[in-house]
Amino acid sequence: MKVDGENMLDNVFVFCQSAIKITSSKNIYFDPYLIKDNLNDADVIFITHEHYDHFDLESINKVKKDDTLIVVPNSMLNKVLSLFDQNEILGVDPDKEYSIFDFKVKVVRAYNNNKKFHPKENNWVGYILYLDNNSYYIMGDSDDTLDAREVKCDYLFVPIGGVYTMNGIEGATLTNVIKPKCVIPIHYKTVVGSELELNNFLNNLDNNIQNKIYIK
């Protein structure tokens, strides 16, 4: 019987799609999208790539405050510099590590294997956040890649909507390889990915991997 991680991750909130907030000494956002309220509490915002459901300017401005740092792949740096002050932006590259405030981040390449939507050569990314003795891997839009399979993490945020990323079965297969303490499926039920993909994901997940479901 699979273990439900409902009592885990009190410091995590998933809005929809891949929009995630992780709190510690700082408020950390990933790919804010369709944010309803003016929160304006972000210390740092991580963007994985430039598609509209990951780089949503209206939502960024709803969570951003005056001194928020915005972290983006260098491949989209020029676009972001045309919208925000240079001092607010940090460009990053895959396979590198960065120290930001009081935590570290490793950048992981995110791409499709046999689909055209997220080419490897675009250098779009996911992030491993090392925070409070835990590691959180937010994959971005990715398939089951060799880069992803090399990651070790405590908490895995895996896209399962299909079409543009992995589907439920593929997401479960990758999760079973990475073997996180807990997995959080994302990137479904907003643009693509029905309840079927979530069910396929859960039904193919190893029984000893905890899961927490935010998008219902």
N, C-alpha and C. Protein backbone atom coordinates (compact mmCIF):
# COMPACT_ATOMS: atom_id res chain seq x y z
N MET A 1 0.85 -1.20 0.00
CA MET A 1 0.00 0.00 0.00
C MET A 1 0.88 1.24 0.00
N LYS A 2 0.56 2.21 -0.86
CA LYS A 2 1.37 3.41 -0.96
C LYS A 2 1.20 4.29 0.28
N VAL A 3 2.25 4.99 0.62
CA VAL A 3 2.24 5.89 1.77
C VAL A 3 1.85 7.29 1.31
N ASP A 4 0.88 7.88 1.96
CA ASP A 4 0.44 9.23 1.64
C ASP A 4 1.22 10.21 2.52
N GLY A 5 1.80 11.20 1.91
CA GLY A 5 2.62 12.16 2.64
C GLY A 5 1.88 13.41 3.07
N GLU A 6 0.61 13.28 3.42
CA GLU A 6 -0.19 14.47 3.73
C GLU A 6 0.37 15.26 4.91
N ASN A 7 1.07 14.61 5.81
CA ASN A 7 1.59 15.34 6.97
C ASN A 7 2.97 15.92 6.73
N MET A 8 3.46 15.78 5.50
CA MET A 8 4.78 16.29 5.17
C MET A 8 4.68 17.64 4.49
N LEU A 9 5.79 18.32 4.40
CA LEU A 9 5.92 19.51 3.57
C LEU A 9 4.98 20.64 3.97
N ASP A 10 4.98 20.99 5.22
CA ASP A 10 4.17 22.11 5.68
C ASP A 10 4.68 23.44 5.13
N ASN A 11 5.90 23.44 4.61
CA ASN A 11 6.49 24.67 4.09
C ASN A 11 6.34 24.80 2.58
N VAL A 12 5.49 23.97 1.96
CA VAL A 12 5.33 23.96 0.51
C VAL A 12 3.88 24.23 0.15
N PHE A 13 3.69 25.04 -0.89
CA PHE A 13 2.36 25.24 -1.45
C PHE A 13 2.46 25.18 -2.96
N VAL A 14 1.56 24.44 -3.60
CA VAL A 14 1.49 24.39 -5.06
C VAL A 14 0.20 25.07 -5.48
N PHE A 15 0.31 26.11 -6.29
CA PHE A 15 -0.87 26.87 -6.73
C PHE A 15 -1.59 26.10 -7.84
N CYS A 16 -0.93 25.92 -8.97
CA CYS A 16 -1.42 25.16 -10.10
C CYS A 16 -0.25 24.95 -11.05
N GLN A 17 -0.43 24.05 -12.01
CA GLN A 17 0.60 23.81 -13.02
C GLN A 17 1.96 23.56 -12.34
N SER A 18 2.95 24.42 -12.54
CA SER A 18 4.26 24.27 -11.90
C SER A 18 4.57 25.43 -10.97
N ALA A 19 3.54 26.13 -10.53
CA ALA A 19 3.72 27.28 -9.64
C ALA A 19 3.82 26.81 -8.20
N ILE A 20 5.00 26.99 -7.62
CA ILE A 20 5.32 26.42 -6.31
C ILE A 20 5.89 27.50 -5.41
N LYS A 21 5.55 27.44 -4.14
CA LYS A 21 6.16 28.31 -3.13
C LYS A 21 6.73 27.44 -2.02
N ILE A 22 7.99 27.67 -1.68
CA ILE A 22 8.66 26.98 -0.58
C ILE A 22 9.13 28.05 0.40
N THR A 23 8.79 27.88 1.65
CA THR A 23 9.14 28.88 2.65
C THR A 23 10.15 28.35 3.65
N SER A 24 11.05 29.21 4.04
CA SER A 24 12.02 28.96 5.10
C SER A 24 12.34 30.31 5.71
N SER A 25 13.61 30.66 5.78
CA SER A 25 13.94 32.03 6.17
C SER A 25 13.60 33.00 5.05
N LYS A 26 13.42 32.47 3.83
CA LYS A 26 13.03 33.25 2.66
C LYS A 26 11.80 32.64 2.02
N ASN A 27 11.08 33.44 1.29
CA ASN A 27 9.96 32.96 0.48
C ASN A 27 10.45 32.73 -0.94
N ILE A 28 10.39 31.48 -1.38
CA ILE A 28 11.00 31.06 -2.64
C ILE A 28 9.90 30.57 -3.58
N TYR A 29 9.82 31.17 -4.75
CA TYR A 29 8.81 30.80 -5.74
C TYR A 29 9.46 30.17 -6.97
N PHE A 30 8.72 29.25 -7.57
CA PHE A 30 9.11 28.67 -8.85
C PHE A 30 7.96 28.85 -9.83
N ASP A 31 8.26 29.41 -11.00
CA ASP A 31 7.30 29.52 -12.12
C ASP A 31 5.91 29.98 -11.69
N PRO A 32 5.79 31.12 -11.01
CA PRO A 32 4.45 31.58 -10.61
C PRO A 32 3.55 31.75 -11.83
N TYR A 33 2.33 31.23 -11.73
CA TYR A 33 1.40 31.21 -12.87
C TYR A 33 -0.04 31.26 -12.36
N LEU A 34 -0.84 32.11 -12.95
CA LEU A 34 -2.24 32.29 -12.58
C LEU A 34 -2.41 32.58 -11.09
N ILE A 35 -1.50 33.38 -10.54
CA ILE A 35 -1.60 33.79 -9.15
C ILE A 35 -2.76 34.78 -9.02
N LYS A 36 -3.67 34.54 -8.09
CA LYS A 36 -4.88 35.36 -7.99
C LYS A 36 -4.68 36.61 -7.15
N ASP A 37 -3.92 36.51 -6.05
CA ASP A 37 -3.82 37.61 -5.10
C ASP A 37 -2.49 38.34 -5.23
N ASN A 38 -2.48 39.59 -4.82
CA ASN A 38 -1.23 40.35 -4.75
C ASN A 38 -0.51 40.00 -3.46
N LEU A 39 0.39 39.05 -3.53
CA LEU A 39 1.10 38.57 -2.35
C LEU A 39 2.35 39.41 -2.06
N ASN A 40 3.12 39.70 -3.10
CA ASN A 40 4.28 40.58 -3.01
C ASN A 40 5.19 40.24 -1.83
N ASP A 41 5.49 38.95 -1.69
CA ASP A 41 6.31 38.48 -0.57
C ASP A 41 7.52 37.66 -1.02
N ALA A 42 7.80 37.61 -2.31
CA ALA A 42 8.87 36.74 -2.81
C ALA A 42 10.24 37.35 -2.55
N ASP A 43 11.11 36.56 -1.93
CA ASP A 43 12.52 36.95 -1.83
C ASP A 43 13.27 36.56 -3.09
N VAL A 44 12.88 35.43 -3.68
CA VAL A 44 13.51 34.98 -4.93
C VAL A 44 12.47 34.23 -5.75
N ILE A 45 12.51 34.44 -7.06
CA ILE A 45 11.65 33.75 -8.00
C ILE A 45 12.52 33.01 -9.00
N PHE A 46 12.34 31.70 -9.09
CA PHE A 46 13.07 30.89 -10.07
C PHE A 46 12.16 30.63 -11.27
N ILE A 47 12.68 30.89 -12.46
CA ILE A 47 11.96 30.61 -13.69
C ILE A 47 12.71 29.50 -14.44
N THR A 48 11.96 28.49 -14.89
CA THR A 48 12.62 27.36 -15.56
C THR A 48 12.79 27.59 -17.06
N HIS A 49 11.81 28.28 -17.68
CA HIS A 49 11.92 28.56 -19.11
C HIS A 49 10.84 29.57 -19.50
N GLU A 50 10.79 29.95 -20.76
CA GLU A 50 10.03 31.13 -21.16
C GLU A 50 8.60 30.87 -21.62
N HIS A 51 8.12 29.64 -21.60
CA HIS A 51 6.73 29.40 -22.00
C HIS A 51 5.76 30.11 -21.06
N TYR A 52 4.59 30.49 -21.59
CA TYR A 52 3.67 31.38 -20.89
C TYR A 52 3.21 30.84 -19.54
N ASP A 53 3.15 29.51 -19.39
CA ASP A 53 2.68 28.93 -18.13
C ASP A 53 3.82 28.76 -17.12
N HIS A 54 4.98 29.27 -17.46
CA HIS A 54 6.13 29.25 -16.54
C HIS A 54 6.71 30.64 -16.35
N PHE A 55 6.65 31.45 -17.40
CA PHE A 55 7.07 32.85 -17.30
C PHE A 55 5.83 33.71 -17.54
N ASP A 56 5.09 33.94 -16.47
CA ASP A 56 3.82 34.67 -16.49
C ASP A 56 4.08 36.01 -15.82
N LEU A 57 4.24 37.05 -16.62
CA LEU A 57 4.66 38.36 -16.10
C LEU A 57 3.66 38.91 -15.09
N GLU A 58 2.37 38.72 -15.34
CA GLU A 58 1.37 39.22 -14.39
C GLU A 58 1.51 38.55 -13.03
N SER A 59 1.72 37.25 -13.02
CA SER A 59 1.88 36.53 -11.76
C SER A 59 3.20 36.87 -11.07
N ILE A 60 4.25 37.05 -11.85
CA ILE A 60 5.53 37.47 -11.27
C ILE A 60 5.34 38.78 -10.51
N ASN A 61 4.65 39.72 -11.11
CA ASN A 61 4.45 41.02 -10.45
C ASN A 61 3.52 40.92 -9.25
N LYS A 62 2.70 39.88 -9.17
CA LYS A 62 1.84 39.69 -8.01
C LYS A 62 2.58 39.11 -6.81
N VAL A 63 3.70 38.44 -7.05
CA VAL A 63 4.47 37.90 -5.93
C VAL A 63 5.75 38.70 -5.67
N LYS A 64 6.20 39.44 -6.65
CA LYS A 64 7.45 40.20 -6.55
C LYS A 64 7.30 41.40 -5.61
N LYS A 65 8.38 41.70 -4.89
CA LYS A 65 8.46 42.94 -4.12
C LYS A 65 9.65 43.75 -4.64
N ASP A 66 9.98 44.84 -3.98
CA ASP A 66 10.99 45.75 -4.53
C ASP A 66 12.38 45.13 -4.65
N ASP A 67 12.73 44.24 -3.73
CA ASP A 67 14.09 43.69 -3.73
C ASP A 67 14.12 42.20 -4.09
N THR A 68 13.10 41.70 -4.78
CA THR A 68 13.06 40.30 -5.18
C THR A 68 14.15 40.01 -6.21
N LEU A 69 14.83 38.87 -6.04
CA LEU A 69 15.78 38.38 -7.03
C LEU A 69 15.05 37.43 -7.97
N ILE A 70 15.23 37.61 -9.27
CA ILE A 70 14.61 36.74 -10.27
C ILE A 70 15.72 35.94 -10.95
N VAL A 71 15.63 34.62 -10.85
CA VAL A 71 16.65 33.72 -11.39
C VAL A 71 16.10 33.08 -12.66
N VAL A 72 16.85 33.19 -13.75
CA VAL A 72 16.38 32.68 -15.05
C VAL A 72 17.51 31.98 -15.77
N PRO A 73 17.20 31.07 -16.69
CA PRO A 73 18.25 30.51 -17.54
C PRO A 73 18.89 31.63 -18.38
N ASN A 74 20.18 31.55 -18.57
CA ASN A 74 20.87 32.56 -19.38
C ASN A 74 20.32 32.63 -20.80
N SER A 75 19.71 31.54 -21.24
CA SER A 75 19.15 31.51 -22.59
C SER A 75 17.99 32.49 -22.76
N MET A 76 17.37 32.94 -21.68
CA MET A 76 16.29 33.92 -21.78
C MET A 76 16.63 35.22 -21.05
N LEU A 77 17.91 35.43 -20.79
CA LEU A 77 18.34 36.58 -20.00
C LEU A 77 17.99 37.90 -20.68
N ASN A 78 18.24 38.01 -21.97
CA ASN A 78 17.97 39.27 -22.67
C ASN A 78 16.50 39.65 -22.60
N LYS A 79 15.63 38.67 -22.73
CA LYS A 79 14.19 38.93 -22.64
C LYS A 79 13.83 39.49 -21.27
N VAL A 80 14.39 38.91 -20.22
CA VAL A 80 14.04 39.32 -18.87
C VAL A 80 14.65 40.69 -18.55
N LEU A 81 15.84 40.95 -19.07
CA LEU A 81 16.48 42.24 -18.82
C LEU A 81 15.71 43.39 -19.46
N SER A 82 14.92 43.10 -20.46
CA SER A 82 14.10 44.15 -21.07
C SER A 82 12.88 44.48 -20.23
N LEU A 83 12.61 43.66 -19.20
CA LEU A 83 11.42 43.83 -18.38
C LEU A 83 11.72 44.24 -16.95
N PHE A 84 12.91 43.91 -16.46
CA PHE A 84 13.27 44.19 -15.07
C PHE A 84 14.65 44.83 -15.00
N ASP A 85 14.94 45.45 -13.88
CA ASP A 85 16.24 46.06 -13.67
C ASP A 85 17.33 44.99 -13.60
N GLN A 86 18.49 45.30 -14.13
CA GLN A 86 19.59 44.34 -14.17
C GLN A 86 19.97 43.83 -12.78
N ASN A 87 19.86 44.68 -11.78
CA ASN A 87 20.24 44.28 -10.42
C ASN A 87 19.28 43.27 -9.81
N GLU A 88 18.12 43.09 -10.44
CA GLU A 88 17.13 42.14 -9.93
C GLU A 88 17.28 40.75 -10.52
N ILE A 89 18.19 40.58 -11.48
CA ILE A 89 18.23 39.37 -12.29
C ILE A 89 19.54 38.60 -12.06
N LEU A 90 19.42 37.27 -11.98
CA LEU A 90 20.57 36.38 -11.99
C LEU A 90 20.36 35.35 -13.09
N GLY A 91 21.27 35.32 -14.06
CA GLY A 91 21.22 34.32 -15.11
C GLY A 91 22.03 33.09 -14.71
N VAL A 92 21.51 31.90 -15.00
CA VAL A 92 22.18 30.67 -14.59
C VAL A 92 22.29 29.71 -15.77
N ASP A 93 23.21 28.77 -15.65
CA ASP A 93 23.46 27.77 -16.69
C ASP A 93 23.27 26.37 -16.12
N PRO A 94 22.86 25.42 -16.98
CA PRO A 94 22.76 24.03 -16.52
C PRO A 94 24.10 23.49 -16.02
N ASP A 95 24.01 22.56 -15.07
CA ASP A 95 25.16 21.84 -14.53
C ASP A 95 26.05 22.70 -13.65
N LYS A 96 25.54 23.84 -13.20
CA LYS A 96 26.32 24.69 -12.30
C LYS A 96 25.57 24.86 -10.98
N GLU A 97 26.33 25.21 -9.93
CA GLU A 97 25.75 25.44 -8.61
C GLU A 97 25.91 26.91 -8.23
N TYR A 98 24.93 27.41 -7.48
CA TYR A 98 24.93 28.82 -7.09
C TYR A 98 24.55 28.94 -5.62
N SER A 99 25.15 29.91 -4.94
CA SER A 99 24.76 30.25 -3.58
C SER A 99 23.88 31.49 -3.65
N ILE A 100 22.68 31.37 -3.08
CA ILE A 100 21.71 32.47 -3.11
C ILE A 100 21.19 32.66 -1.70
N PHE A 101 21.35 33.84 -1.15
CA PHE A 101 21.00 34.08 0.24
C PHE A 101 21.68 33.03 1.11
N ASP A 102 20.90 32.27 1.89
CA ASP A 102 21.50 31.30 2.80
C ASP A 102 21.30 29.86 2.33
N PHE A 103 21.07 29.66 1.03
CA PHE A 103 20.90 28.31 0.52
C PHE A 103 21.64 28.15 -0.80
N LYS A 104 21.75 26.91 -1.25
CA LYS A 104 22.42 26.60 -2.50
C LYS A 104 21.43 26.00 -3.49
N VAL A 105 21.73 26.19 -4.76
CA VAL A 105 20.90 25.68 -5.83
C VAL A 105 21.80 25.06 -6.90
N LYS A 106 21.42 23.87 -7.37
CA LYS A 106 22.07 23.27 -8.53
C LYS A 106 21.09 23.32 -9.70
N VAL A 107 21.61 23.68 -10.86
CA VAL A 107 20.79 23.83 -12.05
C VAL A 107 20.90 22.57 -12.90
N VAL A 108 19.76 22.02 -13.29
CA VAL A 108 19.70 20.77 -14.05
C VAL A 108 19.05 21.06 -15.40
N ARG A 109 19.61 20.54 -16.45
CA ARG A 109 19.05 20.73 -17.78
C ARG A 109 17.67 20.06 -17.87
N ALA A 110 16.71 20.74 -18.49
CA ALA A 110 15.35 20.22 -18.65
C ALA A 110 15.00 20.23 -20.14
N TYR A 111 14.55 19.08 -20.66
CA TYR A 111 14.30 19.00 -22.10
C TYR A 111 13.46 17.77 -22.42
N ASN A 112 12.96 17.74 -23.66
CA ASN A 112 12.26 16.57 -24.19
C ASN A 112 13.23 15.65 -24.91
N ASN A 113 12.95 14.36 -24.85
CA ASN A 113 13.77 13.39 -25.58
C ASN A 113 13.39 13.32 -27.05
N ASN A 114 12.11 13.19 -27.34
CA ASN A 114 11.65 12.97 -28.72
C ASN A 114 10.49 13.88 -29.10
N LYS A 115 10.36 15.00 -28.40
CA LYS A 115 9.32 15.98 -28.71
C LYS A 115 9.99 17.32 -28.99
N LYS A 116 9.29 18.20 -29.69
CA LYS A 116 9.87 19.45 -30.16
C LYS A 116 9.70 20.63 -29.20
N PHE A 117 8.95 20.44 -28.12
CA PHE A 117 8.52 21.58 -27.33
C PHE A 117 9.62 22.17 -26.45
N HIS A 118 10.53 21.33 -25.99
CA HIS A 118 11.60 21.78 -25.09
C HIS A 118 12.93 21.19 -25.56
N PRO A 119 13.52 21.78 -26.60
CA PRO A 119 14.77 21.23 -27.15
C PRO A 119 15.92 21.33 -26.16
N LYS A 120 16.76 20.34 -26.15
CA LYS A 120 17.90 20.32 -25.24
C LYS A 120 18.80 21.51 -25.45
N GLU A 121 18.95 21.93 -26.72
CA GLU A 121 19.88 23.02 -27.03
C GLU A 121 19.39 24.38 -26.52
N ASN A 122 18.14 24.48 -26.07
CA ASN A 122 17.65 25.74 -25.50
C ASN A 122 18.24 26.03 -24.12
N ASN A 123 18.81 25.01 -23.50
CA ASN A 123 19.40 25.17 -22.17
C ASN A 123 18.38 25.66 -21.14
N TRP A 124 17.14 25.19 -21.26
CA TRP A 124 16.15 25.44 -20.21
C TRP A 124 16.42 24.50 -19.05
N VAL A 125 15.83 24.79 -17.90
CA VAL A 125 16.37 24.17 -16.68
C VAL A 125 15.29 23.74 -15.69
N GLY A 126 15.74 22.93 -14.75
CA GLY A 126 15.08 22.67 -13.48
C GLY A 126 16.06 23.05 -12.39
N TYR A 127 15.62 22.98 -11.15
CA TYR A 127 16.47 23.42 -10.03
C TYR A 127 16.41 22.40 -8.89
N ILE A 128 17.57 22.13 -8.29
CA ILE A 128 17.62 21.41 -7.02
C ILE A 128 17.94 22.43 -5.94
N LEU A 129 17.00 22.62 -5.04
CA LEU A 129 17.13 23.57 -3.95
C LEU A 129 17.59 22.82 -2.70
N TYR A 130 18.71 23.25 -2.14
CA TYR A 130 19.23 22.66 -0.91
C TYR A 130 18.92 23.62 0.23
N LEU A 131 18.00 23.21 1.10
CA LEU A 131 17.44 24.13 2.08
C LEU A 131 17.13 23.38 3.37
N ASP A 132 17.66 23.86 4.49
CA ASP A 132 17.33 23.29 5.81
C ASP A 132 17.55 21.78 5.84
N ASN A 133 18.67 21.33 5.32
CA ASN A 133 19.05 19.91 5.33
C ASN A 133 18.15 19.04 4.47
N ASN A 134 17.39 19.63 3.57
CA ASN A 134 16.58 18.89 2.62
C ASN A 134 16.90 19.35 1.20
N SER A 135 16.60 18.50 0.23
CA SER A 135 16.81 18.86 -1.17
C SER A 135 15.50 18.71 -1.93
N TYR A 136 15.17 19.72 -2.73
CA TYR A 136 13.92 19.78 -3.48
C TYR A 136 14.28 19.91 -4.97
N TYR A 137 13.84 18.97 -5.76
CA TYR A 137 14.11 19.01 -7.20
C TYR A 137 12.84 19.41 -7.94
N ILE A 138 12.82 20.63 -8.44
CA ILE A 138 11.72 21.13 -9.27
C ILE A 138 12.19 20.98 -10.70
N MET A 139 11.55 20.08 -11.45
CA MET A 139 12.12 19.62 -12.72
C MET A 139 11.98 20.60 -13.87
N GLY A 140 11.01 21.52 -13.83
CA GLY A 140 10.69 22.26 -15.04
C GLY A 140 9.98 21.32 -16.01
N ASP A 141 9.92 21.72 -17.27
CA ASP A 141 9.27 20.88 -18.28
C ASP A 141 10.30 19.92 -18.87
N SER A 142 10.20 18.67 -18.48
CA SER A 142 11.22 17.70 -18.85
C SER A 142 10.61 16.33 -19.07
N ASP A 143 11.32 15.53 -19.82
CA ASP A 143 11.02 14.11 -19.94
C ASP A 143 11.89 13.32 -18.97
N ASP A 144 11.80 12.02 -19.06
CA ASP A 144 12.66 11.11 -18.31
C ASP A 144 14.02 11.08 -19.01
N THR A 145 14.91 11.97 -18.58
CA THR A 145 16.20 12.17 -19.26
C THR A 145 17.34 11.59 -18.44
N LEU A 146 18.48 11.43 -19.09
CA LEU A 146 19.68 10.98 -18.39
C LEU A 146 20.08 11.99 -17.32
N ASP A 147 19.91 13.28 -17.59
CA ASP A 147 20.25 14.30 -16.59
C ASP A 147 19.37 14.16 -15.36
N ALA A 148 18.07 13.94 -15.57
CA ALA A 148 17.14 13.81 -14.44
C ALA A 148 17.43 12.54 -13.64
N ARG A 149 17.78 11.48 -14.32
CA ARG A 149 18.04 10.21 -13.64
C ARG A 149 19.26 10.25 -12.72
N GLU A 150 20.13 11.21 -12.92
CA GLU A 150 21.33 11.33 -12.09
C GLU A 150 21.06 12.09 -10.79
N VAL A 151 19.89 12.70 -10.67
CA VAL A 151 19.58 13.53 -9.50
C VAL A 151 19.24 12.66 -8.30
N LYS A 152 19.73 13.09 -7.15
CA LYS A 152 19.32 12.53 -5.87
C LYS A 152 18.68 13.64 -5.07
N CYS A 153 17.49 13.39 -4.54
CA CYS A 153 16.79 14.45 -3.82
C CYS A 153 15.86 13.84 -2.78
N ASP A 154 15.45 14.67 -1.83
CA ASP A 154 14.47 14.24 -0.83
C ASP A 154 13.04 14.42 -1.35
N TYR A 155 12.80 15.52 -2.05
CA TYR A 155 11.46 15.85 -2.53
C TYR A 155 11.53 16.14 -4.02
N LEU A 156 10.70 15.44 -4.77
CA LEU A 156 10.70 15.54 -6.23
C LEU A 156 9.38 16.12 -6.71
N PHE A 157 9.46 17.20 -7.49
CA PHE A 157 8.29 17.80 -8.13
C PHE A 157 8.35 17.42 -9.60
N VAL A 158 7.49 16.49 -10.01
CA VAL A 158 7.61 15.85 -11.32
C VAL A 158 6.41 16.20 -12.20
N PRO A 159 6.65 16.67 -13.44
CA PRO A 159 5.53 16.98 -14.34
C PRO A 159 4.96 15.72 -14.96
N ILE A 160 3.62 15.60 -14.96
CA ILE A 160 3.01 14.34 -15.42
C ILE A 160 1.87 14.55 -16.41
N GLY A 161 1.69 15.77 -16.93
CA GLY A 161 0.53 16.06 -17.75
C GLY A 161 0.52 15.45 -19.13
N GLY A 162 1.70 14.99 -19.60
CA GLY A 162 1.77 14.46 -20.95
C GLY A 162 1.82 15.58 -21.99
N VAL A 163 1.87 15.21 -23.25
CA VAL A 163 1.95 16.10 -24.42
C VAL A 163 3.27 16.86 -24.42
N TYR A 164 3.45 17.79 -23.47
CA TYR A 164 4.64 18.64 -23.43
C TYR A 164 5.71 18.08 -22.49
N THR A 165 5.33 17.18 -21.61
CA THR A 165 6.25 16.60 -20.63
C THR A 165 5.96 15.10 -20.54
N MET A 166 6.41 14.47 -19.49
CA MET A 166 6.07 13.08 -19.23
C MET A 166 4.58 12.94 -18.95
N ASN A 167 4.04 11.77 -19.23
CA ASN A 167 2.70 11.45 -18.76
C ASN A 167 2.80 10.77 -17.40
N GLY A 168 1.68 10.31 -16.87
CA GLY A 168 1.67 9.74 -15.53
C GLY A 168 2.55 8.53 -15.37
N ILE A 169 2.50 7.63 -16.32
CA ILE A 169 3.30 6.41 -16.23
C ILE A 169 4.80 6.73 -16.35
N GLU A 170 5.13 7.61 -17.28
CA GLU A 170 6.54 8.00 -17.45
C GLU A 170 7.06 8.73 -16.22
N GLY A 171 6.22 9.57 -15.64
CA GLY A 171 6.63 10.28 -14.43
C GLY A 171 6.87 9.34 -13.26
N ALA A 172 6.03 8.32 -13.14
CA ALA A 172 6.21 7.33 -12.09
C ALA A 172 7.49 6.52 -12.31
N THR A 173 7.76 6.18 -13.56
CA THR A 173 8.99 5.42 -13.88
C THR A 173 10.22 6.20 -13.45
N LEU A 174 10.27 7.49 -13.78
CA LEU A 174 11.42 8.30 -13.37
C LEU A 174 11.49 8.43 -11.86
N THR A 175 10.36 8.65 -11.22
CA THR A 175 10.34 8.76 -9.76
C THR A 175 10.88 7.50 -9.11
N ASN A 176 10.53 6.35 -9.63
CA ASN A 176 11.00 5.09 -9.08
C ASN A 176 12.52 4.93 -9.23
N VAL A 177 13.09 5.59 -10.25
CA VAL A 177 14.55 5.57 -10.42
C VAL A 177 15.22 6.52 -9.43
N ILE A 178 14.69 7.72 -9.30
CA ILE A 178 15.29 8.72 -8.41
C ILE A 178 15.13 8.33 -6.94
N LYS A 179 13.99 7.73 -6.60
CA LYS A 179 13.69 7.27 -5.24
C LYS A 179 13.75 8.40 -4.20
N PRO A 180 12.94 9.44 -4.39
CA PRO A 180 12.90 10.50 -3.37
C PRO A 180 12.19 10.03 -2.11
N LYS A 181 12.33 10.79 -1.05
CA LYS A 181 11.56 10.53 0.16
C LYS A 181 10.06 10.74 -0.11
N CYS A 182 9.76 11.77 -0.90
CA CYS A 182 8.37 12.09 -1.20
C CYS A 182 8.31 12.72 -2.60
N VAL A 183 7.25 12.43 -3.35
CA VAL A 183 7.07 12.98 -4.69
C VAL A 183 5.79 13.80 -4.74
N ILE A 184 5.86 14.92 -5.47
CA ILE A 184 4.72 15.80 -5.65
C ILE A 184 4.49 15.94 -7.16
N PRO A 185 3.44 15.34 -7.71
CA PRO A 185 3.16 15.50 -9.14
C PRO A 185 2.64 16.92 -9.44
N ILE A 186 3.10 17.48 -10.56
CA ILE A 186 2.71 18.83 -10.97
C ILE A 186 2.46 18.83 -12.48
N HIS A 187 2.07 20.01 -13.01
CA HIS A 187 1.94 20.23 -14.45
C HIS A 187 0.85 19.34 -15.06
N TYR A 188 -0.31 19.35 -14.43
CA TYR A 188 -1.47 18.64 -14.96
C TYR A 188 -2.73 19.36 -14.49
N LYS A 189 -3.84 19.12 -15.18
CA LYS A 189 -5.17 19.65 -14.85
C LYS A 189 -5.29 21.16 -15.03
N THR A 190 -4.34 21.81 -15.70
CA THR A 190 -4.49 23.23 -16.02
C THR A 190 -4.45 23.43 -17.53
N VAL A 191 -3.34 23.09 -18.17
CA VAL A 191 -3.21 23.20 -19.63
C VAL A 191 -3.54 21.86 -20.27
N VAL A 192 -2.86 20.81 -19.86
CA VAL A 192 -3.16 19.45 -20.29
C VAL A 192 -3.02 18.53 -19.08
N GLY A 193 -3.49 17.28 -19.22
CA GLY A 193 -3.31 16.30 -18.17
C GLY A 193 -4.53 16.18 -17.28
N SER A 194 -5.26 15.12 -17.44
CA SER A 194 -6.50 14.91 -16.70
C SER A 194 -6.25 14.10 -15.43
N GLU A 195 -7.33 13.82 -14.72
CA GLU A 195 -7.27 12.96 -13.54
C GLU A 195 -6.70 11.59 -13.89
N LEU A 196 -6.87 11.17 -15.14
CA LEU A 196 -6.33 9.88 -15.57
C LEU A 196 -4.82 9.83 -15.41
N GLU A 197 -4.14 10.92 -15.76
CA GLU A 197 -2.68 10.92 -15.63
C GLU A 197 -2.26 10.82 -14.17
N LEU A 198 -2.98 11.50 -13.29
CA LEU A 198 -2.67 11.38 -11.86
C LEU A 198 -2.88 9.96 -11.39
N ASN A 199 -3.97 9.33 -11.79
CA ASN A 199 -4.22 7.95 -11.39
C ASN A 199 -3.17 7.00 -11.94
N ASN A 200 -2.78 7.20 -13.20
CA ASN A 200 -1.71 6.38 -13.78
C ASN A 200 -0.40 6.55 -13.02
N PHE A 201 -0.14 7.78 -12.63
CA PHE A 201 1.09 8.05 -11.86
C PHE A 201 1.06 7.31 -10.53
N LEU A 202 0.00 7.46 -9.78
CA LEU A 202 -0.08 6.83 -8.46
C LEU A 202 -0.09 5.31 -8.55
N ASN A 203 -0.74 4.77 -9.57
CA ASN A 203 -0.84 3.32 -9.71
C ASN A 203 0.47 2.67 -10.12
N ASN A 204 1.39 3.45 -10.65
CA ASN A 204 2.68 2.91 -11.09
C ASN A 204 3.84 3.32 -10.21
N LEU A 205 3.54 4.01 -9.13
CA LEU A 205 4.56 4.47 -8.20
C LEU A 205 4.95 3.36 -7.22
N ASP A 206 6.24 3.23 -6.95
CA ASP A 206 6.69 2.24 -5.97
C ASP A 206 5.98 2.48 -4.63
N ASN A 207 5.61 1.40 -3.97
CA ASN A 207 4.83 1.49 -2.74
C ASN A 207 5.56 2.19 -1.61
N ASN A 208 6.89 2.18 -1.63
CA ASN A 208 7.64 2.76 -0.52
C ASN A 208 7.97 4.23 -0.72
N ILE A 209 7.49 4.85 -1.80
CA ILE A 209 7.72 6.27 -2.03
C ILE A 209 6.47 7.04 -1.62
N GLN A 210 6.64 7.95 -0.69
CA GLN A 210 5.51 8.76 -0.24
C GLN A 210 5.11 9.75 -1.33
N ASN A 211 3.86 10.16 -1.31
CA ASN A 211 3.40 11.15 -2.27
C ASN A 211 2.53 12.17 -1.55
N LYS A 212 2.54 13.38 -2.08
CA LYS A 212 1.63 14.40 -1.58
C LYS A 212 0.96 15.07 -2.78
N ILE A 213 -0.35 15.10 -2.78
CA ILE A 213 -1.11 15.59 -3.90
C ILE A 213 -1.67 16.97 -3.58
N TYR A 214 -1.20 17.98 -4.28
CA TYR A 214 -1.71 19.35 -4.10
C TYR A 214 -2.77 19.69 -5.14
N ILE A 215 -2.56 19.27 -6.37
CA ILE A 215 -3.46 19.63 -7.46
C ILE A 215 -4.53 18.54 -7.58
N LYS A 216 -5.75 18.84 -7.19
CA LYS A 216 -6.81 17.83 -7.11
C LYS A 216 -7.99 18.22 -7.99
